[in-house]
Amino acid sequence: MNKVLLIDDDVDLLDVLESALAYFGFEVKTSSYTDDIHALVTIHQPDLVIIDYIMNGINGGEMCSMLKKKDSTKKIPVIILSAY
């Protein structure tokens, strides 16, 4: 597992997480917003998705649910973060 997709609307937090994961050898792609989680996953082919729970518009729980409902993405591990 070396490709991580980070989705968070806090750009500062994205930068910190991206730097930390890259330091440990992960290939990291970030997005501050998406209305189509499947498109991002198709483009980046991550081994792990890390999603903020509280975001503008669709929340991380809904995004996770979308990934888990589709056969092509249901086995991708998802971590949901929250500062809540």
PDB file of N, CA and C in Angstrom:
ATOM      1  N   MET A   1       0.861  -1.181   0.000  1.00  0.00           N
ATOM      2  CA  MET A   1       0.000   0.000   0.000  1.00  0.00           C
ATOM      3  C   MET A   1       0.897   1.231   0.000  1.00  0.00           C
ATOM      4  N   ASN A   2       0.903   1.953  -1.111  1.00  0.00           N
ATOM      5  CA  ASN A   2       1.746   3.141  -1.138  1.00  0.00           C
ATOM      6  C   ASN A   2       1.093   4.374  -1.748  1.00  0.00           C
ATOM      7  N   LYS A   3      -0.111   4.251  -2.284  1.00  0.00           N
ATOM      8  CA  LYS A   3      -0.805   5.398  -2.871  1.00  0.00           C
ATOM      9  C   LYS A   3      -1.980   5.797  -1.985  1.00  0.00           C
ATOM     10  N   VAL A   4      -1.956   7.060  -1.544  1.00  0.00           N
ATOM     11  CA  VAL A   4      -2.991   7.560  -0.635  1.00  0.00           C
ATOM     12  C   VAL A   4      -3.696   8.745  -1.283  1.00  0.00           C
ATOM     13  N   LEU A   5      -5.016   8.762  -1.191  1.00  0.00           N
ATOM     14  CA  LEU A   5      -5.827   9.894  -1.629  1.00  0.00           C
ATOM     15  C   LEU A   5      -6.372  10.581  -0.386  1.00  0.00           C
ATOM     16  N   LEU A   6      -6.033  11.864  -0.201  1.00  0.00           N
ATOM     17  CA  LEU A   6      -6.501  12.660   0.939  1.00  0.00           C
ATOM     18  C   LEU A   6      -7.561  13.643   0.458  1.00  0.00           C
ATOM     19  N   ILE A   7      -8.690  13.673   1.153  1.00  0.00           N
ATOM     20  CA  ILE A   7      -9.752  14.627   0.809  1.00  0.00           C
ATOM     21  C   ILE A   7     -10.130  15.381   2.076  1.00  0.00           C
ATOM     22  N   ASP A   8      -9.908  16.692   2.060  1.00  0.00           N
ATOM     23  CA  ASP A   8     -10.217  17.527   3.219  1.00  0.00           C
ATOM     24  C   ASP A   8     -10.385  18.957   2.737  1.00  0.00           C
ATOM     25  N   ASP A   9     -11.347  19.683   3.296  1.00  0.00           N
ATOM     26  CA  ASP A   9     -11.557  21.064   2.866  1.00  0.00           C
ATOM     27  C   ASP A   9     -10.644  22.046   3.598  1.00  0.00           C
ATOM     28  N   ASP A  10      -9.842  21.554   4.527  1.00  0.00           N
ATOM     29  CA  ASP A  10      -8.858  22.386   5.240  1.00  0.00           C
ATOM     30  C   ASP A  10      -7.511  22.216   4.541  1.00  0.00           C
ATOM     31  N   VAL A  11      -7.140  23.202   3.732  1.00  0.00           N
ATOM     32  CA  VAL A  11      -5.925  23.083   2.918  1.00  0.00           C
ATOM     33  C   VAL A  11      -4.659  22.996   3.771  1.00  0.00           C
ATOM     34  N   ASP A  12      -4.657  23.658   4.915  1.00  0.00           N
ATOM     35  CA  ASP A  12      -3.489  23.579   5.794  1.00  0.00           C
ATOM     36  C   ASP A  12      -3.298  22.158   6.321  1.00  0.00           C
ATOM     37  N   LEU A  13      -4.382  21.524   6.719  1.00  0.00           N
ATOM     38  CA  LEU A  13      -4.315  20.149   7.204  1.00  0.00           C
ATOM     39  C   LEU A  13      -3.884  19.206   6.076  1.00  0.00           C
ATOM     40  N   LEU A  14      -4.386  19.446   4.869  1.00  0.00           N
ATOM     41  CA  LEU A  14      -3.963  18.643   3.709  1.00  0.00           C
ATOM     42  C   LEU A  14      -2.448  18.718   3.536  1.00  0.00           C
ATOM     43  N   ASP A  15      -1.905  19.929   3.651  1.00  0.00           N
ATOM     44  CA  ASP A  15      -0.460  20.111   3.478  1.00  0.00           C
ATOM     45  C   ASP A  15       0.329  19.336   4.534  1.00  0.00           C
ATOM     46  N   VAL A  16      -0.117  19.399   5.784  1.00  0.00           N
ATOM     47  CA  VAL A  16       0.572  18.703   6.870  1.00  0.00           C
ATOM     48  C   VAL A  16       0.506  17.196   6.671  1.00  0.00           C
ATOM     49  N   LEU A  17      -0.687  16.682   6.388  1.00  0.00           N
ATOM     50  CA  LEU A  17      -0.845  15.237   6.189  1.00  0.00           C
ATOM     51  C   LEU A  17      -0.072  14.757   4.963  1.00  0.00           C
ATOM     52  N   GLU A  18      -0.109  15.536   3.890  1.00  0.00           N
ATOM     53  CA  GLU A  18       0.619  15.162   2.679  1.00  0.00           C
ATOM     54  C   GLU A  18       2.122  15.082   2.963  1.00  0.00           C
ATOM     55  N   SER A  19       2.656  16.074   3.667  1.00  0.00           N
ATOM     56  CA  SER A  19       4.081  16.087   3.996  1.00  0.00           C
ATOM     57  C   SER A  19       4.463  14.900   4.877  1.00  0.00           C
ATOM     58  N   ALA A  20       3.643  14.629   5.884  1.00  0.00           N
ATOM     59  CA  ALA A  20       3.932  13.521   6.801  1.00  0.00           C
ATOM     60  C   ALA A  20       3.912  12.179   6.070  1.00  0.00           C
ATOM     61  N   LEU A  21       2.906  11.959   5.245  1.00  0.00           N
ATOM     62  CA  LEU A  21       2.809  10.690   4.520  1.00  0.00           C
ATOM     63  C   LEU A  21       3.905  10.558   3.461  1.00  0.00           C
ATOM     64  N   ALA A  22       4.228  11.638   2.787  1.00  0.00           N
ATOM     65  CA  ALA A  22       5.294  11.612   1.780  1.00  0.00           C
ATOM     66  C   ALA A  22       6.637  11.311   2.449  1.00  0.00           C
ATOM     67  N   TYR A  23       6.848  11.860   3.637  1.00  0.00           N
ATOM     68  CA  TYR A  23       8.081  11.602   4.388  1.00  0.00           C
ATOM     69  C   TYR A  23       8.276  10.103   4.613  1.00  0.00           C
ATOM     70  N   PHE A  24       7.195   9.383   4.825  1.00  0.00           N
ATOM     71  CA  PHE A  24       7.270   7.946   5.069  1.00  0.00           C
ATOM     72  C   PHE A  24       7.156   7.117   3.788  1.00  0.00           C
ATOM     73  N   GLY A  25       7.256   7.782   2.644  1.00  0.00           N
ATOM     74  CA  GLY A  25       7.353   7.064   1.385  1.00  0.00           C
ATOM     75  C   GLY A  25       6.055   6.823   0.633  1.00  0.00           C
ATOM     76  N   PHE A  26       4.967   7.431   1.082  1.00  0.00           N
ATOM     77  CA  PHE A  26       3.700   7.263   0.387  1.00  0.00           C
ATOM     78  C   PHE A  26       3.586   8.238  -0.774  1.00  0.00           C
ATOM     79  N   GLU A  27       2.961   7.798  -1.850  1.00  0.00           N
ATOM     80  CA  GLU A  27       2.619   8.675  -2.964  1.00  0.00           C
ATOM     81  C   GLU A  27       1.253   9.257  -2.619  1.00  0.00           C
ATOM     82  N   VAL A  28       1.184  10.572  -2.468  1.00  0.00           N
ATOM     83  CA  VAL A  28      -0.022  11.217  -1.952  1.00  0.00           C
ATOM     84  C   VAL A  28      -0.644  12.139  -2.992  1.00  0.00           C
ATOM     85  N   LYS A  29      -1.947  11.994  -3.180  1.00  0.00           N
ATOM     86  CA  LYS A  29      -2.733  12.907  -4.006  1.00  0.00           C
ATOM     87  C   LYS A  29      -3.746  13.560  -3.074  1.00  0.00           C
ATOM     88  N   THR A  30      -4.003  14.840  -3.280  1.00  0.00           N
ATOM     89  CA  THR A  30      -4.931  15.550  -2.398  1.00  0.00           C
ATOM     90  C   THR A  30      -6.046  16.219  -3.186  1.00  0.00           C
ATOM     91  N   SER A  31      -7.144  16.443  -2.479  1.00  0.00           N
ATOM     92  CA  SER A  31      -8.259  17.191  -3.051  1.00  0.00           C
ATOM     93  C   SER A  31      -8.960  17.918  -1.904  1.00  0.00           C
ATOM     94  N   SER A  32      -9.262  19.196  -2.112  1.00  0.00           N
ATOM     95  CA  SER A  32      -9.949  19.951  -1.061  1.00  0.00           C
ATOM     96  C   SER A  32     -11.465  19.834  -1.179  1.00  0.00           C
ATOM     97  N   TYR A  33     -11.928  19.278  -2.288  1.00  0.00           N
ATOM     98  CA  TYR A  33     -13.366  19.066  -2.456  1.00  0.00           C
ATOM     99  C   TYR A  33     -13.585  18.132  -3.636  1.00  0.00           C
ATOM    100  N   THR A  34     -14.630  17.346  -3.554  1.00  0.00           N
ATOM    101  CA  THR A  34     -15.048  16.572  -4.713  1.00  0.00           C
ATOM    102  C   THR A  34     -16.551  16.349  -4.655  1.00  0.00           C
ATOM    103  N   ASP A  35     -17.178  16.405  -5.779  1.00  0.00           N
ATOM    104  CA  ASP A  35     -18.585  16.024  -5.846  1.00  0.00           C
ATOM    105  C   ASP A  35     -18.705  14.669  -6.535  1.00  0.00           C
ATOM    106  N   ASP A  36     -17.542  14.107  -6.912  1.00  0.00           N
ATOM    107  CA  ASP A  36     -17.540  12.789  -7.550  1.00  0.00           C
ATOM    108  C   ASP A  36     -16.344  11.979  -7.058  1.00  0.00           C
ATOM    109  N   ILE A  37     -16.533  11.304  -5.948  1.00  0.00           N
ATOM    110  CA  ILE A  37     -15.479  10.504  -5.331  1.00  0.00           C
ATOM    111  C   ILE A  37     -14.999   9.400  -6.260  1.00  0.00           C
ATOM    112  N   HIS A  38     -15.909   8.823  -7.027  1.00  0.00           N
ATOM    113  CA  HIS A  38     -15.516   7.746  -7.937  1.00  0.00           C
ATOM    114  C   HIS A  38     -14.560   8.229  -9.028  1.00  0.00           C
ATOM    115  N   ALA A  39     -14.760   9.437  -9.510  1.00  0.00           N
ATOM    116  CA  ALA A  39     -13.859   9.989 -10.529  1.00  0.00           C
ATOM    117  C   ALA A  39     -12.451  10.163  -9.958  1.00  0.00           C
ATOM    118  N   LEU A  40     -12.351  10.691  -8.732  1.00  0.00           N
ATOM    119  CA  LEU A  40     -11.038  10.854  -8.113  1.00  0.00           C
ATOM    120  C   LEU A  40     -10.339   9.517  -7.914  1.00  0.00           C
ATOM    121  N   VAL A  41     -11.079   8.536  -7.459  1.00  0.00           N
ATOM    122  CA  VAL A  41     -10.504   7.216  -7.229  1.00  0.00           C
ATOM    123  C   VAL A  41     -10.084   6.575  -8.552  1.00  0.00           C
ATOM    124  N   THR A  42     -10.875   6.748  -9.578  1.00  0.00           N
ATOM    125  CA  THR A  42     -10.540   6.198 -10.889  1.00  0.00           C
ATOM    126  C   THR A  42      -9.271   6.841 -11.441  1.00  0.00           C
ATOM    127  N   ILE A  43      -9.142   8.137 -11.272  1.00  0.00           N
ATOM    128  CA  ILE A  43      -7.971   8.858 -11.775  1.00  0.00           C
ATOM    129  C   ILE A  43      -6.700   8.472 -11.004  1.00  0.00           C
ATOM    130  N   HIS A  44      -6.777   8.444  -9.675  1.00  0.00           N
ATOM    131  CA  HIS A  44      -5.586   8.281  -8.845  1.00  0.00           C
ATOM    132  C   HIS A  44      -5.294   6.833  -8.431  1.00  0.00           C
ATOM    133  N   GLN A  45      -6.275   5.937  -8.505  1.00  0.00           N
ATOM    134  CA  GLN A  45      -6.082   4.521  -8.145  1.00  0.00           C
ATOM    135  C   GLN A  45      -5.395   4.351  -6.787  1.00  0.00           C
ATOM    136  N   PRO A  46      -5.967   4.933  -5.717  1.00  0.00           N
ATOM    137  CA  PRO A  46      -5.302   4.853  -4.410  1.00  0.00           C
ATOM    138  C   PRO A  46      -5.447   3.472  -3.766  1.00  0.00           C
ATOM    139  N   ASP A  47      -4.492   3.172  -2.877  1.00  0.00           N
ATOM    140  CA  ASP A  47      -4.560   1.971  -2.059  1.00  0.00           C
ATOM    141  C   ASP A  47      -5.298   2.258  -0.752  1.00  0.00           C
ATOM    142  N   LEU A  48      -5.403   3.544  -0.409  1.00  0.00           N
ATOM    143  CA  LEU A  48      -6.060   3.992   0.809  1.00  0.00           C
ATOM    144  C   LEU A  48      -6.658   5.363   0.556  1.00  0.00           C
ATOM    145  N   VAL A  49      -7.852   5.611   1.107  1.00  0.00           N
ATOM    146  CA  VAL A  49      -8.490   6.926   1.009  1.00  0.00           C
ATOM    147  C   VAL A  49      -8.663   7.454   2.428  1.00  0.00           C
ATOM    148  N   ILE A  50      -8.227   8.690   2.651  1.00  0.00           N
ATOM    149  CA  ILE A  50      -8.421   9.365   3.936  1.00  0.00           C
ATOM    150  C   ILE A  50      -9.321  10.557   3.676  1.00  0.00           C
ATOM    151  N   ILE A  51     -10.458  10.600   4.382  1.00  0.00           N
ATOM    152  CA  ILE A  51     -11.482  11.625   4.128  1.00  0.00           C
ATOM    153  C   ILE A  51     -11.828  12.351   5.427  1.00  0.00           C
ATOM    154  N   ASP A  52     -11.930  13.662   5.350  1.00  0.00           N
ATOM    155  CA  ASP A  52     -12.441  14.447   6.471  1.00  0.00           C
ATOM    156  C   ASP A  52     -13.935  14.162   6.599  1.00  0.00           C
ATOM    157  N   TYR A  53     -14.427  14.057   7.830  1.00  0.00           N
ATOM    158  CA  TYR A  53     -15.848  13.754   8.004  1.00  0.00           C
ATOM    159  C   TYR A  53     -16.721  14.985   7.770  1.00  0.00           C
ATOM    160  N   ILE A  54     -16.351  16.107   8.383  1.00  0.00           N
ATOM    161  CA  ILE A  54     -17.158  17.321   8.267  1.00  0.00           C
ATOM    162  C   ILE A  54     -16.584  18.194   7.152  1.00  0.00           C
ATOM    163  N   MET A  55     -17.323  18.268   6.051  1.00  0.00           N
ATOM    164  CA  MET A  55     -16.901  19.088   4.913  1.00  0.00           C
ATOM    165  C   MET A  55     -18.105  19.855   4.384  1.00  0.00           C
ATOM    166  N   ASN A  56     -17.834  20.866   3.571  1.00  0.00           N
ATOM    167  CA  ASN A  56     -18.928  21.580   2.917  1.00  0.00           C
ATOM    168  C   ASN A  56     -19.558  20.661   1.881  1.00  0.00           C
ATOM    169  N   GLY A  57     -20.868  20.639   1.820  1.00  0.00           N
ATOM    170  CA  GLY A  57     -21.553  19.757   0.871  1.00  0.00           C
ATOM    171  C   GLY A  57     -21.611  18.344   1.418  1.00  0.00           C
ATOM    172  N   ILE A  58     -21.201  17.380   0.627  1.00  0.00           N
ATOM    173  CA  ILE A  58     -21.250  15.973   1.018  1.00  0.00           C
ATOM    174  C   ILE A  58     -20.204  15.703   2.108  1.00  0.00           C
ATOM    175  N   ASN A  59     -20.570  14.905   3.115  1.00  0.00           N
ATOM    176  CA  ASN A  59     -19.605  14.637   4.180  1.00  0.00           C
ATOM    177  C   ASN A  59     -18.829  13.346   3.917  1.00  0.00           C
ATOM    178  N   GLY A  60     -17.794  13.138   4.701  1.00  0.00           N
ATOM    179  CA  GLY A  60     -16.924  11.987   4.525  1.00  0.00           C
ATOM    180  C   GLY A  60     -17.634  10.652   4.676  1.00  0.00           C
ATOM    181  N   GLY A  61     -18.629  10.588   5.559  1.00  0.00           N
ATOM    182  CA  GLY A  61     -19.396   9.357   5.735  1.00  0.00           C
ATOM    183  C   GLY A  61     -20.161   8.983   4.480  1.00  0.00           C
ATOM    184  N   GLU A  62     -20.722   9.989   3.831  1.00  0.00           N
ATOM    185  CA  GLU A  62     -21.453   9.745   2.582  1.00  0.00           C
ATOM    186  C   GLU A  62     -20.507   9.309   1.468  1.00  0.00           C
ATOM    187  N   MET A  63     -19.323   9.932   1.424  1.00  0.00           N
ATOM    188  CA  MET A  63     -18.335   9.544   0.416  1.00  0.00           C
ATOM    189  C   MET A  63     -17.899   8.094   0.632  1.00  0.00           C
ATOM    190  N   CYS A  64     -17.657   7.742   1.880  1.00  0.00           N
ATOM    191  CA  CYS A  64     -17.260   6.372   2.208  1.00  0.00           C
ATOM    192  C   CYS A  64     -18.349   5.395   1.783  1.00  0.00           C
ATOM    193  N   SER A  65     -19.575   5.727   2.079  1.00  0.00           N
ATOM    194  CA  SER A  65     -20.705   4.883   1.709  1.00  0.00           C
ATOM    195  C   SER A  65     -20.769   4.672   0.195  1.00  0.00           C
ATOM    196  N   MET A  66     -20.522   5.740  -0.557  1.00  0.00           N
ATOM    197  CA  MET A  66     -20.522   5.635  -2.018  1.00  0.00           C
ATOM    198  C   MET A  66     -19.444   4.663  -2.500  1.00  0.00           C
ATOM    199  N   LEU A  67     -18.262   4.756  -1.903  1.00  0.00           N
ATOM    200  CA  LEU A  67     -17.169   3.868  -2.295  1.00  0.00           C
ATOM    201  C   LEU A  67     -17.484   2.411  -1.960  1.00  0.00           C
ATOM    202  N   LYS A  68     -18.093   2.185  -0.816  1.00  0.00           N
ATOM    203  CA  LYS A  68     -18.353   0.821  -0.362  1.00  0.00           C
ATOM    204  C   LYS A  68     -19.508   0.159  -1.111  1.00  0.00           C
ATOM    205  N   LYS A  69     -20.340   0.944  -1.790  1.00  0.00           N
ATOM    206  CA  LYS A  69     -21.470   0.390  -2.539  1.00  0.00           C
ATOM    207  C   LYS A  69     -21.086  -0.089  -3.938  1.00  0.00           C
ATOM    208  N   LYS A  70     -19.959   0.362  -4.441  1.00  0.00           N
ATOM    209  CA  LYS A  70     -19.556   0.021  -5.813  1.00  0.00           C
ATOM    210  C   LYS A  70     -18.521  -1.113  -5.776  1.00  0.00           C
ATOM    211  N   ASP A  71     -18.748  -2.160  -6.555  1.00  0.00           N
ATOM    212  CA  ASP A  71     -17.856  -3.320  -6.559  1.00  0.00           C
ATOM    213  C   ASP A  71     -16.397  -2.960  -6.829  1.00  0.00           C
ATOM    214  N   SER A  72     -16.161  -2.016  -7.722  1.00  0.00           N
ATOM    215  CA  SER A  72     -14.791  -1.682  -8.103  1.00  0.00           C
ATOM    216  C   SER A  72     -14.023  -0.918  -7.025  1.00  0.00           C
ATOM    217  N   THR A  73     -14.738  -0.353  -6.025  1.00  0.00           N
ATOM    218  CA  THR A  73     -14.058   0.444  -4.996  1.00  0.00           C
ATOM    219  C   THR A  73     -14.326  -0.028  -3.569  1.00  0.00           C
ATOM    220  N   LYS A  74     -15.167  -1.025  -3.397  1.00  0.00           N
ATOM    221  CA  LYS A  74     -15.582  -1.408  -2.045  1.00  0.00           C
ATOM    222  C   LYS A  74     -14.468  -1.994  -1.189  1.00  0.00           C
ATOM    223  N   LYS A  75     -13.394  -2.472  -1.798  1.00  0.00           N
ATOM    224  CA  LYS A  75     -12.311  -3.068  -1.014  1.00  0.00           C
ATOM    225  C   LYS A  75     -11.195  -2.088  -0.671  1.00  0.00           C
ATOM    226  N   ILE A  76     -11.319  -0.856  -1.123  1.00  0.00           N
ATOM    227  CA  ILE A  76     -10.318   0.152  -0.790  1.00  0.00           C
ATOM    228  C   ILE A  76     -10.533   0.594   0.668  1.00  0.00           C
ATOM    229  N   PRO A  77      -9.502   0.486   1.503  1.00  0.00           N
ATOM    230  CA  PRO A  77      -9.658   0.936   2.887  1.00  0.00           C
ATOM    231  C   PRO A  77      -9.902   2.446   2.942  1.00  0.00           C
ATOM    232  N   VAL A  78     -10.748   2.853   3.878  1.00  0.00           N
ATOM    233  CA  VAL A  78     -11.078   4.275   4.061  1.00  0.00           C
ATOM    234  C   VAL A  78     -10.879   4.632   5.527  1.00  0.00           C
ATOM    235  N   ILE A  79     -10.174   5.736   5.764  1.00  0.00           N
ATOM    236  CA  ILE A  79     -10.045   6.298   7.111  1.00  0.00           C
ATOM    237  C   ILE A  79     -10.788   7.611   7.098  1.00  0.00           C
ATOM    238  N   ILE A  80     -11.662   7.798   8.073  1.00  0.00           N
ATOM    239  CA  ILE A  80     -12.395   9.057   8.184  1.00  0.00           C
ATOM    240  C   ILE A  80     -11.808   9.850   9.356  1.00  0.00           C
ATOM    241  N   LEU A  81     -11.369  11.068   9.064  1.00  0.00           N
ATOM    242  CA  LEU A  81     -10.798  11.958  10.074  1.00  0.00           C
ATOM    243  C   LEU A  81     -11.834  12.967  10.536  1.00  0.00           C
ATOM    244  N   SER A  82     -11.687  13.427  11.773  1.00  0.00           N
ATOM    245  CA  SER A  82     -12.556  14.501  12.231  1.00  0.00           C
ATOM    246  C   SER A  82     -11.902  15.249  13.370  1.00  0.00           C
ATOM    247  N   ALA A  83     -11.969  16.537  13.321  1.00  0.00           N
ATOM    248  CA  ALA A  83     -11.527  17.365  14.438  1.00  0.00           C
ATOM    249  C   ALA A  83     -12.714  17.683  15.335  1.00  0.00           C
ATOM    250  N   TYR A  84     -13.881  17.146  14.972  1.00  0.00           N
ATOM    251  CA  TYR A  84     -15.124  17.416  15.693  1.00  0.00           C
ATOM    252  C   TYR A  84     -15.080  16.877  17.074  1.00  0.00           C
TER     253      TYR A  84
END
